[in-house]
């Protein structure tokens, strides 16, 4: 067969195109793995992740069973904030809307940006815990000494009381953990390495940033 065979050249180009597409697809999947997994957890409740923007609460019926929701707050050591729940626990009826609050205060000398993750325990209760509105996965920027209140609205599906795997659950714990964003940490590291003059200049004239909102 001639090395200049046009049919062979076309087949080689086709094989190269398909192989390139497979490689590109694998690279894309590797980069998307984390956000896709997070989305999967949020939609299905897998791993104790509550479902976000679920349907409206069906409304509690008279005599509906109650459940206790406890609130937990954690802050990664790299984020100089004081983060805590506004209430330790609340008792609510299954199917009823509930509103709770968390507060965060910055102890830093410059604006800092954090982002939170969350989960519920026991993990098996995740699919029945529906968040209607929360501050999770949204960047929150606080000025030095600024304190903000962040609301969360949610409801617990009454079906949790009829599922054989969850009907004995009487308490659910909702936990949030705040981390410093990578971009903010990189900026802070660059300022520290630049020397005290740059740090003082930045402290004296902080750039405006948005107030943390739910």
C-alpha atoms as a PDB file:
ATOM      1  CA  UNK A   1       0.000   0.000   0.000  1.00  0.00           C
ATOM      2  CA  UNK A   2       1.324   3.407  -0.963  1.00  0.00           C
ATOM      3  CA  UNK A   3       2.272   5.785   1.839  1.00  0.00           C
ATOM      4  CA  UNK A   4       0.444   8.458  -0.191  1.00  0.00           C
ATOM      5  CA  UNK A   5      -2.825   6.480  -0.219  1.00  0.00           C
ATOM      6  CA  UNK A   6      -5.610   9.107   0.313  1.00  0.00           C
ATOM      7  CA  UNK A   7      -7.948   6.543   1.948  1.00  0.00           C
ATOM      8  CA  UNK A   8      -5.282   5.661   4.521  1.00  0.00           C
ATOM      9  CA  UNK A   9      -4.672   9.353   5.248  1.00  0.00           C
ATOM     10  CA  UNK A  10      -8.409   9.922   5.824  1.00  0.00           C
ATOM     11  CA  UNK A  11      -8.612   6.951   8.202  1.00  0.00           C
ATOM     12  CA  UNK A  12      -5.594   8.192  10.137  1.00  0.00           C
ATOM     13  CA  UNK A  13      -7.109  11.662  10.495  1.00  0.00           C
ATOM     14  CA  UNK A  14     -10.398  10.134  11.667  1.00  0.00           C
ATOM     15  CA  UNK A  15      -8.635   8.007  14.304  1.00  0.00           C
ATOM     16  CA  UNK A  16      -6.619  11.007  15.500  1.00  0.00           C
ATOM     17  CA  UNK A  17      -9.786  13.135  15.774  1.00  0.00           C
ATOM     18  CA  UNK A  18     -11.641  10.485  17.797  1.00  0.00           C
ATOM     19  CA  UNK A  19      -8.661   9.903  20.092  1.00  0.00           C
ATOM     20  CA  UNK A  20      -8.276  13.632  20.657  1.00  0.00           C
ATOM     21  CA  UNK A  21     -11.958  13.926  21.534  1.00  0.00           C
ATOM     22  CA  UNK A  22     -11.686  11.118  24.080  1.00  0.00           C
ATOM     23  CA  UNK A  23      -8.660  12.724  25.739  1.00  0.00           C
ATOM     24  CA  UNK A  24     -10.363  16.130  25.858  1.00  0.00           C
ATOM     25  CA  UNK A  25     -13.485  14.570  27.323  1.00  0.00           C
ATOM     26  CA  UNK A  26     -11.504  12.785  30.038  1.00  0.00           C
ATOM     27  CA  UNK A  27      -9.726  16.020  30.961  1.00  0.00           C
ATOM     28  CA  UNK A  28     -13.033  17.865  31.127  1.00  0.00           C
ATOM     29  CA  UNK A  29     -14.544  15.231  33.376  1.00  0.00           C
ATOM     30  CA  UNK A  30     -11.562  15.353  35.725  1.00  0.00           C
ATOM     31  CA  UNK A  31     -11.930  19.119  36.182  1.00  0.00           C
ATOM     32  CA  UNK A  32     -15.713  18.860  36.569  1.00  0.00           C
ATOM     33  CA  UNK A  33     -15.621  15.951  39.033  1.00  0.00           C
ATOM     34  CA  UNK A  34     -15.747  18.054  42.212  1.00  0.00           C
ATOM     35  CA  UNK A  35     -18.533  20.485  41.188  1.00  0.00           C
ATOM     36  CA  UNK A  36     -20.530  17.648  39.639  1.00  0.00           C
ATOM     37  CA  UNK A  37     -20.184  15.603  42.827  1.00  0.00           C
ATOM     38  CA  UNK A  38     -21.279  18.609  44.910  1.00  0.00           C
ATOM     39  CA  UNK A  39     -24.292  19.119  42.645  1.00  0.00           C
ATOM     40  CA  UNK A  40     -25.135  15.411  42.838  1.00  0.00           C
ATOM     41  CA  UNK A  41     -25.041  15.526  46.646  1.00  0.00           C
ATOM     42  CA  UNK A  42     -27.181  18.655  46.768  1.00  0.00           C
ATOM     43  CA  UNK A  43     -29.836  17.158  44.492  1.00  0.00           C
ATOM     44  CA  UNK A  44     -29.955  13.662  45.983  1.00  0.00           C
ATOM     45  CA  UNK A  45     -29.043  14.263  49.610  1.00  0.00           C
ATOM     46  CA  UNK A  46     -26.135  11.799  49.304  1.00  0.00           C
ATOM     47  CA  UNK A  47     -23.535  12.012  52.072  1.00  0.00           C
ATOM     48  CA  UNK A  48     -25.815  14.007  54.358  1.00  0.00           C
ATOM     49  CA  UNK A  49     -26.072  16.941  51.971  1.00  0.00           C
ATOM     50  CA  UNK A  50     -29.487  18.645  52.226  1.00  0.00           C
ATOM     51  CA  UNK A  51     -31.359  19.323  49.029  1.00  0.00           C
ATOM     52  CA  UNK A  52     -31.221  22.964  47.912  1.00  0.00           C
ATOM     53  CA  UNK A  53     -34.121  24.999  46.526  1.00  0.00           C
ATOM     54  CA  UNK A  54     -36.480  22.121  47.047  1.00  0.00           C
ATOM     55  CA  UNK A  55     -40.255  22.355  46.637  1.00  0.00           C
ATOM     56  CA  UNK A  56     -42.288  24.472  48.997  1.00  0.00           C
ATOM     57  CA  UNK A  57     -43.036  22.961  52.381  1.00  0.00           C
ATOM     58  CA  UNK A  58     -46.342  21.044  52.316  1.00  0.00           C
ATOM     59  CA  UNK A  59     -47.425  22.638  55.603  1.00  0.00           C
ATOM     60  CA  UNK A  60     -47.700  20.967  58.962  1.00  0.00           C
ATOM     61  CA  UNK A  61     -50.917  19.183  59.793  1.00  0.00           C
ATOM     62  CA  UNK A  62     -52.552  19.347  63.187  1.00  0.00           C
ATOM     63  CA  UNK A  63     -50.872  16.815  65.420  1.00  0.00           C
ATOM     64  CA  UNK A  64     -47.955  16.359  63.027  1.00  0.00           C
ATOM     65  CA  UNK A  65     -44.867  14.814  64.536  1.00  0.00           C
ATOM     66  CA  UNK A  66     -42.139  17.164  65.667  1.00  0.00           C
ATOM     67  CA  UNK A  67     -38.405  16.873  65.189  1.00  0.00           C
ATOM     68  CA  UNK A  68     -35.490  18.701  66.804  1.00  0.00           C
ATOM     69  CA  UNK A  69     -32.957  20.460  64.583  1.00  0.00           C
ATOM     70  CA  UNK A  70     -29.622  21.345  66.176  1.00  0.00           C
ATOM     71  CA  UNK A  71     -27.241  23.900  64.691  1.00  0.00           C
ATOM     72  CA  UNK A  72     -23.462  23.610  64.547  1.00  0.00           C
ATOM     73  CA  UNK A  73     -20.831  26.068  63.263  1.00  0.00           C
ATOM     74  CA  UNK A  74     -17.172  25.519  62.404  1.00  0.00           C
ATOM     75  CA  UNK A  75     -14.503  27.865  61.082  1.00  0.00           C
ATOM     76  CA  UNK A  76     -11.356  26.760  59.298  1.00  0.00           C
ATOM     77  CA  UNK A  77      -8.237  28.081  61.105  1.00  0.00           C
ATOM     78  CA  UNK A  78      -7.203  29.981  57.979  1.00  0.00           C
ATOM     79  CA  UNK A  79     -10.235  32.278  58.206  1.00  0.00           C
ATOM     80  CA  UNK A  80     -10.054  34.863  61.046  1.00  0.00           C
ATOM     81  CA  UNK A  81     -13.803  34.922  61.726  1.00  0.00           C
ATOM     82  CA  UNK A  82     -16.030  34.162  64.689  1.00  0.00           C
ATOM     83  CA  UNK A  83     -18.858  32.104  63.227  1.00  0.00           C
ATOM     84  CA  UNK A  84     -21.693  30.715  65.340  1.00  0.00           C
ATOM     85  CA  UNK A  85     -25.375  29.753  65.227  1.00  0.00           C
ATOM     86  CA  UNK A  86     -27.922  32.227  66.507  1.00  0.00           C
ATOM     87  CA  UNK A  87     -29.739  29.383  68.268  1.00  0.00           C
ATOM     88  CA  UNK A  88     -28.548  26.035  69.593  1.00  0.00           C
ATOM     89  CA  UNK A  89     -31.628  24.052  68.575  1.00  0.00           C
ATOM     90  CA  UNK A  90     -35.287  24.345  67.625  1.00  0.00           C
ATOM     91  CA  UNK A  91     -38.220  21.986  67.688  1.00  0.00           C
ATOM     92  CA  UNK A  92     -40.401  22.079  64.608  1.00  0.00           C
ATOM     93  CA  UNK A  93     -43.249  20.195  63.016  1.00  0.00           C
ATOM     94  CA  UNK A  94     -42.552  18.024  60.002  1.00  0.00           C
ATOM     95  CA  UNK A  95     -43.634  19.784  56.812  1.00  0.00           C
ATOM     96  CA  UNK A  96     -43.570  23.268  58.364  1.00  0.00           C
ATOM     97  CA  UNK A  97     -41.360  26.132  57.208  1.00  0.00           C
ATOM     98  CA  UNK A  98     -38.633  27.133  59.670  1.00  0.00           C
ATOM     99  CA  UNK A  99     -36.250  30.082  59.853  1.00  0.00           C
ATOM    100  CA  UNK A 100     -32.897  30.089  61.655  1.00  0.00           C
ATOM    101  CA  UNK A 101     -29.878  32.385  61.776  1.00  0.00           C
ATOM    102  CA  UNK A 102     -26.096  32.214  61.898  1.00  0.00           C
ATOM    103  CA  UNK A 103     -23.786  35.135  62.676  1.00  0.00           C
ATOM    104  CA  UNK A 104     -20.254  35.843  61.512  1.00  0.00           C
ATOM    105  CA  UNK A 105     -17.819  38.490  62.752  1.00  0.00           C
ATOM    106  CA  UNK A 106     -14.442  39.288  61.190  1.00  0.00           C
ATOM    107  CA  UNK A 107     -11.452  39.555  63.530  1.00  0.00           C
ATOM    108  CA  UNK A 108      -9.111  40.451  60.668  1.00  0.00           C
ATOM    109  CA  UNK A 109      -7.481  43.815  60.049  1.00  0.00           C
ATOM    110  CA  UNK A 110      -8.318  43.752  56.337  1.00  0.00           C
ATOM    111  CA  UNK A 111     -11.349  42.630  54.294  1.00  0.00           C
ATOM    112  CA  UNK A 112     -11.595  38.841  54.161  1.00  0.00           C
ATOM    113  CA  UNK A 113     -13.717  36.548  52.033  1.00  0.00           C
ATOM    114  CA  UNK A 114     -15.094  33.189  53.106  1.00  0.00           C
ATOM    115  CA  UNK A 115     -17.312  30.503  51.654  1.00  0.00           C
ATOM    116  CA  UNK A 116     -19.264  27.813  53.495  1.00  0.00           C
ATOM    117  CA  UNK A 117     -20.144  24.169  53.034  1.00  0.00           C
ATOM    118  CA  UNK A 118     -22.728  22.239  55.010  1.00  0.00           C
ATOM    119  CA  UNK A 119     -24.167  18.834  55.802  1.00  0.00           C
ATOM    120  CA  UNK A 120     -26.703  17.163  58.072  1.00  0.00           C
ATOM    121  CA  UNK A 121     -26.326  14.213  60.420  1.00  0.00           C
ATOM    122  CA  UNK A 122     -27.351  11.497  60.511  1.00  0.00           C
ATOM    123  CA  UNK A 123     -26.468  11.322  56.828  1.00  0.00           C
ATOM    124  CA  UNK A 124     -29.492   9.216  56.004  1.00  0.00           C
ATOM    125  CA  UNK A 125     -31.710  12.210  56.820  1.00  0.00           C
ATOM    126  CA  UNK A 126     -30.146  14.307  54.032  1.00  0.00           C
ATOM    127  CA  UNK A 127     -32.803  13.598  51.357  1.00  0.00           C
ATOM    128  CA  UNK A 128     -35.564  14.736  53.740  1.00  0.00           C
ATOM    129  CA  UNK A 129     -33.949  18.028  54.784  1.00  0.00           C
ATOM    130  CA  UNK A 130     -34.900  20.727  52.261  1.00  0.00           C
ATOM    131  CA  UNK A 131     -33.217  24.127  52.176  1.00  0.00           C
ATOM    132  CA  UNK A 132     -35.325  26.863  50.612  1.00  0.00           C
ATOM    133  CA  UNK A 133     -32.791  29.656  51.113  1.00  0.00           C
ATOM    134  CA  UNK A 134     -29.284  29.676  52.588  1.00  0.00           C
ATOM    135  CA  UNK A 135     -25.896  31.348  52.356  1.00  0.00           C
ATOM    136  CA  UNK A 136     -23.971  28.187  51.480  1.00  0.00           C
ATOM    137  CA  UNK A 137     -21.552  28.199  48.533  1.00  0.00           C
ATOM    138  CA  UNK A 138     -21.842  31.996  48.184  1.00  0.00           C
ATOM    139  CA  UNK A 139     -18.748  34.106  48.830  1.00  0.00           C
ATOM    140  CA  UNK A 140     -19.145  36.395  51.843  1.00  0.00           C
ATOM    141  CA  UNK A 141     -16.814  39.382  52.239  1.00  0.00           C
ATOM    142  CA  UNK A 142     -16.524  41.044  55.661  1.00  0.00           C
ATOM    143  CA  UNK A 143     -14.788  44.292  56.494  1.00  0.00           C
ATOM    144  CA  UNK A 144     -12.545  44.452  59.603  1.00  0.00           C
ATOM    145  CA  UNK A 145     -14.744  44.072  62.682  1.00  0.00           C
ATOM    146  CA  UNK A 146     -17.927  43.695  60.622  1.00  0.00           C
ATOM    147  CA  UNK A 147     -20.628  41.363  61.947  1.00  0.00           C
ATOM    148  CA  UNK A 148     -23.463  40.012  59.809  1.00  0.00           C
ATOM    149  CA  UNK A 149     -26.505  37.840  60.374  1.00  0.00           C
ATOM    150  CA  UNK A 150     -27.162  35.127  57.809  1.00  0.00           C
ATOM    151  CA  UNK A 151     -30.607  33.481  57.619  1.00  0.00           C
ATOM    152  CA  UNK A 152     -31.504  30.001  56.495  1.00  0.00           C
ATOM    153  CA  UNK A 153     -35.027  28.781  55.722  1.00  0.00           C
ATOM    154  CA  UNK A 154     -35.793  25.078  55.510  1.00  0.00           C
ATOM    155  CA  UNK A 155     -38.307  22.320  56.144  1.00  0.00           C
ATOM    156  CA  UNK A 156     -38.171  18.604  56.916  1.00  0.00           C
ATOM    157  CA  UNK A 157     -40.201  16.254  54.742  1.00  0.00           C
ATOM    158  CA  UNK A 158     -42.919  14.373  56.692  1.00  0.00           C
ATOM    159  CA  UNK A 159     -41.937  11.247  54.740  1.00  0.00           C
ATOM    160  CA  UNK A 160     -38.971  10.936  57.106  1.00  0.00           C
ATOM    161  CA  UNK A 161     -41.476   9.576  59.641  1.00  0.00           C
ATOM    162  CA  UNK A 162     -42.731   6.820  57.329  1.00  0.00           C
ATOM    163  CA  UNK A 163     -39.428   5.607  55.862  1.00  0.00           C
ATOM    164  CA  UNK A 164     -38.387   2.505  57.854  1.00  0.00           C
ATOM    165  CA  UNK A 165     -34.761   3.660  57.688  1.00  0.00           C
ATOM    166  CA  UNK A 166     -35.473   7.108  59.183  1.00  0.00           C
ATOM    167  CA  UNK A 167     -38.723   6.904  61.162  1.00  0.00           C
ATOM    168  CA  UNK A 168     -36.866   6.603  64.480  1.00  0.00           C
ATOM    169  CA  UNK A 169     -34.841   9.790  63.923  1.00  0.00           C
ATOM    170  CA  UNK A 170     -35.855  12.465  66.420  1.00  0.00           C
ATOM    171  CA  UNK A 171     -32.913  14.894  66.045  1.00  0.00           C
ATOM    172  CA  UNK A 172     -31.103  16.274  62.996  1.00  0.00           C
ATOM    173  CA  UNK A 173     -27.903  18.322  63.249  1.00  0.00           C
ATOM    174  CA  UNK A 174     -27.195  20.963  60.614  1.00  0.00           C
ATOM    175  CA  UNK A 175     -23.503  21.868  60.384  1.00  0.00           C
ATOM    176  CA  UNK A 176     -21.845  24.713  58.488  1.00  0.00           C
ATOM    177  CA  UNK A 177     -18.110  25.158  57.980  1.00  0.00           C
ATOM    178  CA  UNK A 178     -16.624  28.418  56.701  1.00  0.00           C
ATOM    179  CA  UNK A 179     -13.354  28.413  54.745  1.00  0.00           C
ATOM    180  CA  UNK A 180     -11.249  31.248  53.401  1.00  0.00           C
ATOM    181  CA  UNK A 181     -11.521  31.432  49.631  1.00  0.00           C
ATOM    182  CA  UNK A 182      -8.398  30.495  47.706  1.00  0.00           C
ATOM    183  CA  UNK A 183      -8.276  33.860  45.944  1.00  0.00           C
ATOM    184  CA  UNK A 184      -8.491  35.712  49.258  1.00  0.00           C
ATOM    185  CA  UNK A 185      -5.787  33.530  50.823  1.00  0.00           C
ATOM    186  CA  UNK A 186      -3.497  34.148  47.843  1.00  0.00           C
ATOM    187  CA  UNK A 187      -4.038  37.883  48.116  1.00  0.00           C
ATOM    188  CA  UNK A 188      -3.273  37.800  51.836  1.00  0.00           C
ATOM    189  CA  UNK A 189      -0.086  35.808  51.221  1.00  0.00           C
ATOM    190  CA  UNK A 190       1.086  38.231  48.536  1.00  0.00           C
ATOM    191  CA  UNK A 191       0.573  41.197  50.875  1.00  0.00           C
ATOM    192  CA  UNK A 192       2.474  39.487  53.680  1.00  0.00           C
ATOM    193  CA  UNK A 193       5.459  38.760  51.439  1.00  0.00           C
ATOM    194  CA  UNK A 194       5.493  42.287  50.058  1.00  0.00           C
ATOM    195  CA  UNK A 195       6.611  43.738  53.393  1.00  0.00           C
ATOM    196  CA  UNK A 196       5.063  45.936  56.086  1.00  0.00           C
ATOM    197  CA  UNK A 197       4.869  49.051  53.928  1.00  0.00           C
ATOM    198  CA  UNK A 198       2.444  47.502  51.448  1.00  0.00           C
ATOM    199  CA  UNK A 199       0.463  45.906  54.258  1.00  0.00           C
ATOM    200  CA  UNK A 200       0.063  49.218  56.099  1.00  0.00           C
ATOM    201  CA  UNK A 201      -0.905  50.989  52.910  1.00  0.00           C
ATOM    202  CA  UNK A 202      -3.586  48.415  52.224  1.00  0.00           C
ATOM    203  CA  UNK A 203      -4.848  48.595  55.807  1.00  0.00           C
ATOM    204  CA  UNK A 204      -5.062  52.377  55.674  1.00  0.00           C
ATOM    205  CA  UNK A 205      -7.041  52.448  52.452  1.00  0.00           C
ATOM    206  CA  UNK A 206      -9.101  49.268  52.178  1.00  0.00           C
ATOM    207  CA  UNK A 207     -10.930  48.821  48.919  1.00  0.00           C
ATOM    208  CA  UNK A 208     -14.710  48.689  49.157  1.00  0.00           C
ATOM    209  CA  UNK A 209     -16.246  45.248  48.980  1.00  0.00           C
ATOM    210  CA  UNK A 210     -19.834  44.044  49.103  1.00  0.00           C
ATOM    211  CA  UNK A 211     -21.501  43.458  52.448  1.00  0.00           C
ATOM    212  CA  UNK A 212     -22.120  39.817  53.196  1.00  0.00           C
ATOM    213  CA  UNK A 213     -25.634  38.880  52.231  1.00  0.00           C
ATOM    214  CA  UNK A 214     -27.542  35.660  52.525  1.00  0.00           C
END
